[in-house]
Protein backbone atom coordinates (compact mmCIF):
# COMPACT_ATOMS: atom_id res chain seq x y z
CA UNK A 1 19.86 7.79 -25.51
CA UNK A 2 23.13 9.46 -23.61
CA UNK A 3 26.50 7.73 -25.14
CA UNK A 4 26.86 6.07 -21.67
CA UNK A 5 23.10 4.53 -21.05
CA UNK A 6 23.82 3.53 -24.93
CA UNK A 7 27.34 1.46 -24.04
CA UNK A 8 25.35 -0.01 -21.42
CA UNK A 9 23.00 -1.20 -23.02
CA UNK A 10 24.98 -2.96 -25.07
CA UNK A 11 25.96 -4.77 -22.49
CA UNK A 12 22.34 -6.35 -21.06
CA UNK A 13 22.99 -10.23 -21.56
CA UNK A 14 26.79 -10.27 -21.23
CA UNK A 15 28.67 -11.05 -17.59
CA UNK A 16 30.05 -8.50 -15.48
CA UNK A 17 33.76 -8.74 -16.52
CA UNK A 18 34.42 -5.35 -17.55
CA UNK A 19 34.08 -1.93 -15.01
CA UNK A 20 32.81 -3.88 -11.86
CA UNK A 21 34.83 -4.23 -8.63
CA UNK A 22 37.17 -7.33 -8.00
CA UNK A 23 34.39 -8.14 -5.34
CA UNK A 24 31.93 -7.72 -7.88
CA UNK A 25 33.94 -10.04 -10.19
CA UNK A 26 33.85 -12.94 -7.55
CA UNK A 27 30.31 -12.82 -7.91
CA UNK A 28 30.23 -13.71 -11.63
CA UNK A 29 26.72 -11.64 -12.65
CA UNK A 30 25.06 -11.16 -15.81
CA UNK A 31 23.38 -7.53 -16.88
CA UNK A 32 19.65 -8.72 -17.49
CA UNK A 33 18.47 -5.38 -17.99
CA UNK A 34 20.13 -1.57 -18.22
CA UNK A 35 17.69 1.49 -18.51
CA UNK A 36 17.99 5.47 -17.39
CA UNK A 37 18.50 4.81 -13.76
CA UNK A 38 17.62 1.29 -13.77
CA UNK A 39 19.99 -1.67 -13.65
CA UNK A 40 18.26 -5.62 -13.18
CA UNK A 41 21.15 -8.07 -12.65
CA UNK A 42 21.73 -11.78 -12.20
CA UNK A 43 23.63 -14.06 -9.80
CA UNK A 44 24.21 -17.88 -9.27
CA UNK A 45 24.57 -18.57 -5.98
CA UNK A 46 27.02 -20.34 -4.55
CA UNK A 47 28.17 -22.37 -1.09
CA UNK A 48 30.50 -20.16 -0.38
CA UNK A 49 27.89 -17.05 -0.19
CA UNK A 50 25.64 -19.13 2.44
CA UNK A 51 26.00 -18.31 6.70
CA UNK A 52 26.48 -20.91 9.04
CA UNK A 53 22.63 -21.42 9.27
CA UNK A 54 22.76 -22.19 4.67
CA UNK A 55 21.14 -18.62 3.88
CA UNK A 56 22.53 -16.53 1.60
CA UNK A 57 24.97 -13.85 3.82
CA UNK A 58 24.09 -11.12 4.61
CA UNK A 59 27.17 -9.08 3.50
CA UNK A 60 27.16 -10.77 0.00
CA UNK A 61 23.31 -9.21 -0.03
CA UNK A 62 25.09 -5.93 0.05
CA UNK A 63 27.03 -6.82 -2.15
CA UNK A 64 24.85 -7.43 -4.66
CA UNK A 65 22.67 -4.24 -3.94
CA UNK A 66 25.80 -2.48 -4.54
CA UNK A 67 26.47 -4.08 -7.46
CA UNK A 68 23.14 -3.47 -8.54
CA UNK A 69 22.72 0.64 -7.77
CA UNK A 70 25.97 1.29 -8.95
CA UNK A 71 25.19 -0.06 -12.63
CA UNK A 72 21.80 1.71 -12.22
CA UNK A 73 23.71 5.61 -11.44
CA UNK A 74 26.27 5.28 -13.97
CA UNK A 75 23.22 4.93 -16.52
CA UNK A 76 23.11 8.43 -16.09
CA UNK A 77 26.07 10.26 -17.14
CA UNK A 78 26.86 11.75 -14.52
CA UNK A 79 30.65 13.03 -15.29
CA UNK A 80 31.57 12.67 -11.47
CA UNK A 81 28.76 11.14 -8.80
CA UNK A 82 29.81 9.85 -5.14
CA UNK A 83 26.86 8.13 -3.70
CA UNK A 84 26.15 6.21 -0.54
CA UNK A 85 23.12 2.92 -0.16
CA UNK A 86 21.10 3.64 2.88
CA UNK A 87 21.06 0.08 3.69
CA UNK A 88 18.07 0.48 6.57
CA UNK A 89 15.12 1.09 3.97
CA UNK A 90 15.26 -1.38 1.19
CA UNK A 91 13.62 -4.10 -0.53
CA UNK A 92 15.48 -7.17 -1.27
CA UNK A 93 13.49 -9.59 -3.46
CA UNK A 94 14.93 -12.87 -4.37
CA UNK A 95 14.05 -15.36 -6.43
CA UNK A 96 15.84 -18.77 -6.46
CA UNK A 97 16.26 -21.03 -9.02
CA UNK A 98 18.42 -24.18 -10.53
CA UNK A 99 20.40 -23.62 -13.56
CA UNK A 100 17.67 -25.03 -15.68
CA UNK A 101 15.66 -21.84 -14.72
CA UNK A 102 13.20 -24.42 -12.13
CA UNK A 103 11.78 -21.81 -9.68
CA UNK A 104 12.77 -22.96 -6.07
CA UNK A 105 12.05 -20.08 -3.84
CA UNK A 106 10.72 -16.34 -3.82
CA UNK A 107 11.26 -14.01 -1.27
CA UNK A 108 10.59 -9.86 -1.14
CA UNK A 109 11.43 -8.12 1.94
CA UNK A 110 11.19 -4.68 3.22
CA UNK A 111 14.04 -3.78 5.48
CA UNK A 112 13.88 -0.66 7.84
CA UNK A 113 15.26 0.46 10.76
CA UNK A 114 13.13 0.89 13.91
CA UNK A 115 12.01 4.27 14.48
CA UNK A 116 13.63 5.76 17.21
CA UNK A 117 11.11 7.02 20.28
CA UNK A 118 11.67 10.66 20.97
């Protein structure tokens, strides 16, 4: 196991206080699982994360994806890496739970771009 992965695995169960962007810190997330090329993070939803219809705002979803992918990529231990996330093809799974852990809802969605006719 690389030093980077070993360091990140020790973050399991801890909050994302270190190494996250200021906007990512606002999410107040927790590292649930880290492995080579993989991360699973947990976040609590707050009212200010909702859009006017009462659903999680799409910008928040993008930020959650960015935080998870950024951590997963950092497990690779590469000295320098620029990456981008193509949000045109992504699978999103959302599980909503109360503070006591009771599951309220779970949703899964595949988001893809419409093929260009051509």
